[in-house]
Amino acid sequence: MTSGELKFALRVETALNSIPQPEYRQLVVESLMVLALIIEHNLTNYLGETLYVEQFVHCANGQFLQDQVSQVCLRAY
């Protein structure tokens, strides 16, 4: 399938609609957009065999939470 095929779009939409939390779904969409930009702008030639977008989202969320904690600690002093 190519990105221009209707079947591809329907499969992507079905996969995204299977995510019940709208906030998490939005993070997955944004992660996919970033990955597409990386490829589109030739920042890398190869991303690997299988990409687990959930891992990207969880890792990014963990980094965000760490940053928030460090910001709170800096404001306390």
PDB file of N, CA and C in Angstrom:
ATOM      1  N   MET A   1       0.828  -1.183   0.000  1.00  0.00           N
ATOM      2  CA  MET A   1       0.000   0.000   0.000  1.00  0.00           C
ATOM      3  C   MET A   1       0.874   1.249   0.000  1.00  0.00           C
ATOM      4  N   THR A   2       0.400   2.259  -0.677  1.00  0.00           N
ATOM      5  CA  THR A   2       1.078   3.543  -0.644  1.00  0.00           C
ATOM      6  C   THR A   2       0.205   4.537   0.103  1.00  0.00           C
ATOM      7  N   SER A   3       0.802   5.644   0.489  1.00  0.00           N
ATOM      8  CA  SER A   3       0.060   6.635   1.273  1.00  0.00           C
ATOM      9  C   SER A   3      -1.081   7.259   0.484  1.00  0.00           C
ATOM     10  N   GLY A   4      -1.046   7.173  -0.832  1.00  0.00           N
ATOM     11  CA  GLY A   4      -2.103   7.746  -1.656  1.00  0.00           C
ATOM     12  C   GLY A   4      -3.315   6.847  -1.833  1.00  0.00           C
ATOM     13  N   GLU A   5      -3.217   5.603  -1.449  1.00  0.00           N
ATOM     14  CA  GLU A   5      -4.326   4.664  -1.622  1.00  0.00           C
ATOM     15  C   GLU A   5      -5.371   4.849  -0.533  1.00  0.00           C
ATOM     16  N   LEU A   6      -6.615   4.720  -0.920  1.00  0.00           N
ATOM     17  CA  LEU A   6      -7.717   4.851   0.024  1.00  0.00           C
ATOM     18  C   LEU A   6      -7.650   3.764   1.093  1.00  0.00           C
ATOM     19  N   LYS A   7      -7.234   2.555   0.714  1.00  0.00           N
ATOM     20  CA  LYS A   7      -7.140   1.467   1.694  1.00  0.00           C
ATOM     21  C   LYS A   7      -6.140   1.821   2.803  1.00  0.00           C
ATOM     22  N   PHE A   8      -5.051   2.478   2.413  1.00  0.00           N
ATOM     23  CA  PHE A   8      -4.042   2.878   3.401  1.00  0.00           C
ATOM     24  C   PHE A   8      -4.644   3.884   4.375  1.00  0.00           C
ATOM     25  N   ALA A   9      -5.320   4.894   3.839  1.00  0.00           N
ATOM     26  CA  ALA A   9      -5.937   5.914   4.685  1.00  0.00           C
ATOM     27  C   ALA A   9      -6.966   5.298   5.627  1.00  0.00           C
ATOM     28  N   LEU A  10      -7.741   4.356   5.138  1.00  0.00           N
ATOM     29  CA  LEU A  10      -8.734   3.704   5.988  1.00  0.00           C
ATOM     30  C   LEU A  10      -8.090   2.883   7.088  1.00  0.00           C
ATOM     31  N   ARG A  11      -6.986   2.228   6.765  1.00  0.00           N
ATOM     32  CA  ARG A  11      -6.279   1.444   7.789  1.00  0.00           C
ATOM     33  C   ARG A  11      -5.694   2.342   8.871  1.00  0.00           C
ATOM     34  N   VAL A  12      -5.122   3.475   8.443  1.00  0.00           N
ATOM     35  CA  VAL A  12      -4.563   4.416   9.420  1.00  0.00           C
ATOM     36  C   VAL A  12      -5.671   4.967  10.295  1.00  0.00           C
ATOM     37  N   GLU A  13      -6.780   5.359   9.681  1.00  0.00           N
ATOM     38  CA  GLU A  13      -7.904   5.891  10.450  1.00  0.00           C
ATOM     39  C   GLU A  13      -8.456   4.853  11.420  1.00  0.00           C
ATOM     40  N   THR A  14      -8.549   3.611  10.985  1.00  0.00           N
ATOM     41  CA  THR A  14      -9.032   2.541  11.859  1.00  0.00           C
ATOM     42  C   THR A  14      -8.091   2.352  13.049  1.00  0.00           C
ATOM     43  N   ALA A  15      -6.795   2.377  12.773  1.00  0.00           N
ATOM     44  CA  ALA A  15      -5.814   2.216  13.856  1.00  0.00           C
ATOM     45  C   ALA A  15      -5.914   3.366  14.846  1.00  0.00           C
ATOM     46  N   LEU A  16      -6.040   4.584  14.346  1.00  0.00           N
ATOM     47  CA  LEU A  16      -6.126   5.736  15.244  1.00  0.00           C
ATOM     48  C   LEU A  16      -7.432   5.737  16.033  1.00  0.00           C
ATOM     49  N   ASN A  17      -8.508   5.316  15.394  1.00  0.00           N
ATOM     50  CA  ASN A  17      -9.793   5.282  16.088  1.00  0.00           C
ATOM     51  C   ASN A  17      -9.848   4.206  17.166  1.00  0.00           C
ATOM     52  N   SER A  18      -8.906   3.284  17.130  1.00  0.00           N
ATOM     53  CA  SER A  18      -8.871   2.249  18.162  1.00  0.00           C
ATOM     54  C   SER A  18      -8.261   2.760  19.463  1.00  0.00           C
ATOM     55  N   ILE A  19      -7.707   3.977  19.441  1.00  0.00           N
ATOM     56  CA  ILE A  19      -7.131   4.586  20.642  1.00  0.00           C
ATOM     57  C   ILE A  19      -8.245   5.365  21.338  1.00  0.00           C
ATOM     58  N   PRO A  20      -8.661   4.928  22.527  1.00  0.00           N
ATOM     59  CA  PRO A  20      -9.833   5.537  23.166  1.00  0.00           C
ATOM     60  C   PRO A  20      -9.597   6.944  23.728  1.00  0.00           C
ATOM     61  N   GLN A  21      -8.392   7.231  24.200  1.00  0.00           N
ATOM     62  CA  GLN A  21      -8.132   8.531  24.812  1.00  0.00           C
ATOM     63  C   GLN A  21      -7.752   9.546  23.727  1.00  0.00           C
ATOM     64  N   PRO A  22      -8.519  10.638  23.599  1.00  0.00           N
ATOM     65  CA  PRO A  22      -8.231  11.619  22.547  1.00  0.00           C
ATOM     66  C   PRO A  22      -6.868  12.293  22.703  1.00  0.00           C
ATOM     67  N   GLU A  23      -6.420  12.494  23.938  1.00  0.00           N
ATOM     68  CA  GLU A  23      -5.123  13.132  24.157  1.00  0.00           C
ATOM     69  C   GLU A  23      -3.999  12.231  23.665  1.00  0.00           C
ATOM     70  N   TYR A  24      -4.108  10.968  23.986  1.00  0.00           N
ATOM     71  CA  TYR A  24      -3.090  10.002  23.565  1.00  0.00           C
ATOM     72  C   TYR A  24      -3.114   9.844  22.046  1.00  0.00           C
ATOM     73  N   ARG A  25      -4.305   9.808  21.464  1.00  0.00           N
ATOM     74  CA  ARG A  25      -4.443   9.719  20.011  1.00  0.00           C
ATOM     75  C   ARG A  25      -3.750  10.908  19.344  1.00  0.00           C
ATOM     76  N   GLN A  26      -3.924  12.096  19.908  1.00  0.00           N
ATOM     77  CA  GLN A  26      -3.282  13.295  19.351  1.00  0.00           C
ATOM     78  C   GLN A  26      -1.769  13.186  19.422  1.00  0.00           C
ATOM     79  N   LEU A  27      -1.244  12.669  20.520  1.00  0.00           N
ATOM     80  CA  LEU A  27       0.208  12.492  20.649  1.00  0.00           C
ATOM     81  C   LEU A  27       0.735  11.500  19.620  1.00  0.00           C
ATOM     82  N   VAL A  28      -0.025  10.446  19.364  1.00  0.00           N
ATOM     83  CA  VAL A  28       0.381   9.462  18.351  1.00  0.00           C
ATOM     84  C   VAL A  28       0.396  10.117  16.971  1.00  0.00           C
ATOM     85  N   VAL A  29      -0.631  10.899  16.656  1.00  0.00           N
ATOM     86  CA  VAL A  29      -0.694  11.585  15.359  1.00  0.00           C
ATOM     87  C   VAL A  29       0.497  12.532  15.210  1.00  0.00           C
ATOM     88  N   GLU A  30       0.782  13.301  16.254  1.00  0.00           N
ATOM     89  CA  GLU A  30       1.904  14.234  16.190  1.00  0.00           C
ATOM     90  C   GLU A  30       3.237  13.502  16.053  1.00  0.00           C
ATOM     91  N   SER A  31       3.377  12.365  16.700  1.00  0.00           N
ATOM     92  CA  SER A  31       4.602  11.561  16.558  1.00  0.00           C
ATOM     93  C   SER A  31       4.762  11.068  15.132  1.00  0.00           C
ATOM     94  N   LEU A  32       3.679  10.615  14.538  1.00  0.00           N
ATOM     95  CA  LEU A  32       3.725  10.163  13.144  1.00  0.00           C
ATOM     96  C   LEU A  32       4.090  11.315  12.207  1.00  0.00           C
ATOM     97  N   MET A  33       3.579  12.495  12.502  1.00  0.00           N
ATOM     98  CA  MET A  33       3.909  13.657  11.685  1.00  0.00           C
ATOM     99  C   MET A  33       5.395  13.995  11.782  1.00  0.00           C
ATOM    100  N   VAL A  34       5.958  13.909  12.984  1.00  0.00           N
ATOM    101  CA  VAL A  34       7.389  14.174  13.161  1.00  0.00           C
ATOM    102  C   VAL A  34       8.213  13.138  12.404  1.00  0.00           C
ATOM    103  N   LEU A  35       7.828  11.873  12.499  1.00  0.00           N
ATOM    104  CA  LEU A  35       8.553  10.831  11.761  1.00  0.00           C
ATOM    105  C   LEU A  35       8.475  11.067  10.252  1.00  0.00           C
ATOM    106  N   ALA A  36       7.310  11.496   9.775  1.00  0.00           N
ATOM    107  CA  ALA A  36       7.164  11.787   8.344  1.00  0.00           C
ATOM    108  C   ALA A  36       8.057  12.953   7.933  1.00  0.00           C
ATOM    109  N   LEU A  37       8.156  13.971   8.774  1.00  0.00           N
ATOM    110  CA  LEU A  37       9.025  15.105   8.469  1.00  0.00           C
ATOM    111  C   LEU A  37      10.496  14.709   8.445  1.00  0.00           C
ATOM    112  N   ILE A  38      10.877  13.822   9.353  1.00  0.00           N
ATOM    113  CA  ILE A  38      12.262  13.344   9.382  1.00  0.00           C
ATOM    114  C   ILE A  38      12.617  12.682   8.056  1.00  0.00           C
ATOM    115  N   ILE A  39      11.734  11.849   7.550  1.00  0.00           N
ATOM    116  CA  ILE A  39      11.979  11.176   6.278  1.00  0.00           C
ATOM    117  C   ILE A  39      11.889  12.162   5.120  1.00  0.00           C
ATOM    118  N   GLU A  40      10.883  13.028   5.150  1.00  0.00           N
ATOM    119  CA  GLU A  40      10.660  13.982   4.059  1.00  0.00           C
ATOM    120  C   GLU A  40      11.850  14.911   3.859  1.00  0.00           C
ATOM    121  N   HIS A  41      12.486  15.308   4.946  1.00  0.00           N
ATOM    122  CA  HIS A  41      13.609  16.237   4.865  1.00  0.00           C
ATOM    123  C   HIS A  41      14.965  15.530   4.867  1.00  0.00           C
ATOM    124  N   ASN A  42      14.933  14.217   4.656  1.00  0.00           N
ATOM    125  CA  ASN A  42      16.155  13.416   4.534  1.00  0.00           C
ATOM    126  C   ASN A  42      17.100  13.583   5.716  1.00  0.00           C
ATOM    127  N   LEU A  43      16.549  13.640   6.920  1.00  0.00           N
ATOM    128  CA  LEU A  43      17.388  13.728   8.101  1.00  0.00           C
ATOM    129  C   LEU A  43      18.017  12.391   8.444  1.00  0.00           C
ATOM    130  N   THR A  44      17.419  11.323   7.945  1.00  0.00           N
ATOM    131  CA  THR A  44      17.986   9.986   8.070  1.00  0.00           C
ATOM    132  C   THR A  44      17.476   9.151   6.909  1.00  0.00           C
ATOM    133  N   ASN A  45      18.250   8.173   6.531  1.00  0.00           N
ATOM    134  CA  ASN A  45      17.848   7.314   5.420  1.00  0.00           C
ATOM    135  C   ASN A  45      17.072   6.092   5.887  1.00  0.00           C
ATOM    136  N   TYR A  46      17.198   5.755   7.166  1.00  0.00           N
ATOM    137  CA  TYR A  46      16.619   4.505   7.648  1.00  0.00           C
ATOM    138  C   TYR A  46      16.199   4.666   9.095  1.00  0.00           C
ATOM    139  N   LEU A  47      14.968   4.297   9.401  1.00  0.00           N
ATOM    140  CA  LEU A  47      14.469   4.392  10.781  1.00  0.00           C
ATOM    141  C   LEU A  47      14.388   3.045  11.476  1.00  0.00           C
ATOM    142  N   GLY A  48      14.623   1.985  10.763  1.00  0.00           N
ATOM    143  CA  GLY A  48      14.546   0.658  11.350  1.00  0.00           C
ATOM    144  C   GLY A  48      13.429  -0.150  10.719  1.00  0.00           C
ATOM    145  N   GLU A  49      13.377  -1.412  11.056  1.00  0.00           N
ATOM    146  CA  GLU A  49      12.362  -2.305  10.494  1.00  0.00           C
ATOM    147  C   GLU A  49      10.969  -1.972  10.994  1.00  0.00           C
ATOM    148  N   THR A  50      10.801  -1.982  12.298  1.00  0.00           N
ATOM    149  CA  THR A  50       9.494  -1.735  12.900  1.00  0.00           C
ATOM    150  C   THR A  50       9.617  -0.591  13.885  1.00  0.00           C
ATOM    151  N   LEU A  51       8.738   0.382  13.739  1.00  0.00           N
ATOM    152  CA  LEU A  51       8.715   1.509  14.660  1.00  0.00           C
ATOM    153  C   LEU A  51       7.527   1.354  15.595  1.00  0.00           C
ATOM    154  N   TYR A  52       7.783   1.511  16.867  1.00  0.00           N
ATOM    155  CA  TYR A  52       6.732   1.431  17.862  1.00  0.00           C
ATOM    156  C   TYR A  52       6.457   2.850  18.356  1.00  0.00           C
ATOM    157  N   VAL A  53       5.458   3.475  17.751  1.00  0.00           N
ATOM    158  CA  VAL A  53       5.149   4.865  18.053  1.00  0.00           C
ATOM    159  C   VAL A  53       4.794   5.023  19.524  1.00  0.00           C
ATOM    160  N   GLU A  54       4.161   4.015  20.104  1.00  0.00           N
ATOM    161  CA  GLU A  54       3.826   4.081  21.527  1.00  0.00           C
ATOM    162  C   GLU A  54       5.067   4.303  22.377  1.00  0.00           C
ATOM    163  N   GLN A  55       6.181   3.677  21.995  1.00  0.00           N
ATOM    164  CA  GLN A  55       7.415   3.855  22.753  1.00  0.00           C
ATOM    165  C   GLN A  55       7.905   5.293  22.649  1.00  0.00           C
ATOM    166  N   PHE A  56       7.788   5.903  21.456  1.00  0.00           N
ATOM    167  CA  PHE A  56       8.160   7.307  21.297  1.00  0.00           C
ATOM    168  C   PHE A  56       7.317   8.188  22.211  1.00  0.00           C
ATOM    169  N   VAL A  57       6.025   7.939  22.208  1.00  0.00           N
ATOM    170  CA  VAL A  57       5.099   8.753  23.000  1.00  0.00           C
ATOM    171  C   VAL A  57       5.394   8.596  24.489  1.00  0.00           C
ATOM    172  N   HIS A  58       5.597   7.372  24.948  1.00  0.00           N
ATOM    173  CA  HIS A  58       5.880   7.143  26.369  1.00  0.00           C
ATOM    174  C   HIS A  58       7.212   7.762  26.775  1.00  0.00           C
ATOM    175  N   CYS A  59       8.203   7.646  25.918  1.00  0.00           N
ATOM    176  CA  CYS A  59       9.515   8.231  26.211  1.00  0.00           C
ATOM    177  C   CYS A  59       9.411   9.758  26.261  1.00  0.00           C
ATOM    178  N   ALA A  60       8.731  10.341  25.290  1.00  0.00           N
ATOM    179  CA  ALA A  60       8.555  11.802  25.261  1.00  0.00           C
ATOM    180  C   ALA A  60       7.788  12.272  26.488  1.00  0.00           C
ATOM    181  N   ASN A  61       6.771  11.534  26.875  1.00  0.00           N
ATOM    182  CA  ASN A  61       5.999  11.897  28.061  1.00  0.00           C
ATOM    183  C   ASN A  61       6.874  11.823  29.312  1.00  0.00           C
ATOM    184  N   GLY A  62       7.696  10.803  29.410  1.00  0.00           N
ATOM    185  CA  GLY A  62       8.603  10.686  30.548  1.00  0.00           C
ATOM    186  C   GLY A  62       9.570  11.852  30.620  1.00  0.00           C
ATOM    187  N   GLN A  63      10.108  12.257  29.464  1.00  0.00           N
ATOM    188  CA  GLN A  63      11.019  13.405  29.435  1.00  0.00           C
ATOM    189  C   GLN A  63      10.286  14.688  29.816  1.00  0.00           C
ATOM    190  N   PHE A  64       9.049  14.831  29.343  1.00  0.00           N
ATOM    191  CA  PHE A  64       8.245  16.003  29.699  1.00  0.00           C
ATOM    192  C   PHE A  64       8.016  16.063  31.203  1.00  0.00           C
ATOM    193  N   LEU A  65       7.662  14.925  31.800  1.00  0.00           N
ATOM    194  CA  LEU A  65       7.409  14.897  33.239  1.00  0.00           C
ATOM    195  C   LEU A  65       8.671  15.231  34.036  1.00  0.00           C
ATOM    196  N   GLN A  66       9.815  14.704  33.591  1.00  0.00           N
ATOM    197  CA  GLN A  66      11.077  15.017  34.263  1.00  0.00           C
ATOM    198  C   GLN A  66      11.377  16.504  34.176  1.00  0.00           C
ATOM    199  N   ASP A  67      11.119  17.091  33.014  1.00  0.00           N
ATOM    200  CA  ASP A  67      11.345  18.517  32.818  1.00  0.00           C
ATOM    201  C   ASP A  67      10.430  19.334  33.731  1.00  0.00           C
ATOM    202  N   GLN A  68       9.184  18.907  33.855  1.00  0.00           N
ATOM    203  CA  GLN A  68       8.239  19.620  34.721  1.00  0.00           C
ATOM    204  C   GLN A  68       8.690  19.564  36.178  1.00  0.00           C
ATOM    205  N   VAL A  69       9.160  18.413  36.610  1.00  0.00           N
ATOM    206  CA  VAL A  69       9.640  18.266  37.987  1.00  0.00           C
ATOM    207  C   VAL A  69      10.854  19.158  38.215  1.00  0.00           C
ATOM    208  N   SER A  70      11.773  19.190  37.271  1.00  0.00           N
ATOM    209  CA  SER A  70      12.969  20.017  37.440  1.00  0.00           C
ATOM    210  C   SER A  70      12.598  21.508  37.436  1.00  0.00           C
ATOM    211  N   GLN A  71      11.604  21.898  36.653  1.00  0.00           N
ATOM    212  CA  GLN A  71      11.178  23.304  36.637  1.00  0.00           C
ATOM    213  C   GLN A  71      10.553  23.696  37.979  1.00  0.00           C
ATOM    214  N   VAL A  72       9.773  22.803  38.564  1.00  0.00           N
ATOM    215  CA  VAL A  72       9.162  23.071  39.862  1.00  0.00           C
ATOM    216  C   VAL A  72      10.249  23.201  40.926  1.00  0.00           C
ATOM    217  N   CYS A  73      11.251  22.330  40.858  1.00  0.00           N
ATOM    218  CA  CYS A  73      12.342  22.378  41.832  1.00  0.00           C
ATOM    219  C   CYS A  73      13.137  23.688  41.699  1.00  0.00           C
ATOM    220  N   LEU A  74      13.358  24.135  40.482  1.00  0.00           N
ATOM    221  CA  LEU A  74      14.107  25.382  40.268  1.00  0.00           C
ATOM    222  C   LEU A  74      13.308  26.581  40.775  1.00  0.00           C
ATOM    223  N   ARG A  75      12.007  26.562  40.612  1.00  0.00           N
ATOM    224  CA  ARG A  75      11.174  27.681  41.070  1.00  0.00           C
ATOM    225  C   ARG A  75      11.103  27.728  42.594  1.00  0.00           C
ATOM    226  N   ALA A  76      11.274  26.584  43.241  1.00  0.00           N
ATOM    227  CA  ALA A  76      11.189  26.522  44.699  1.00  0.00           C
ATOM    228  C   ALA A  76      12.377  27.245  45.335  1.00  0.00           C
ATOM    229  N   TYR A  77      13.484  27.319  44.615  1.00  0.00           N
ATOM    230  CA  TYR A  77      14.692  27.961  45.176  1.00  0.00           C
ATOM    231  C   TYR A  77      14.755  29.338  44.674  1.00  0.00           C
TER     232      TYR A  77
END
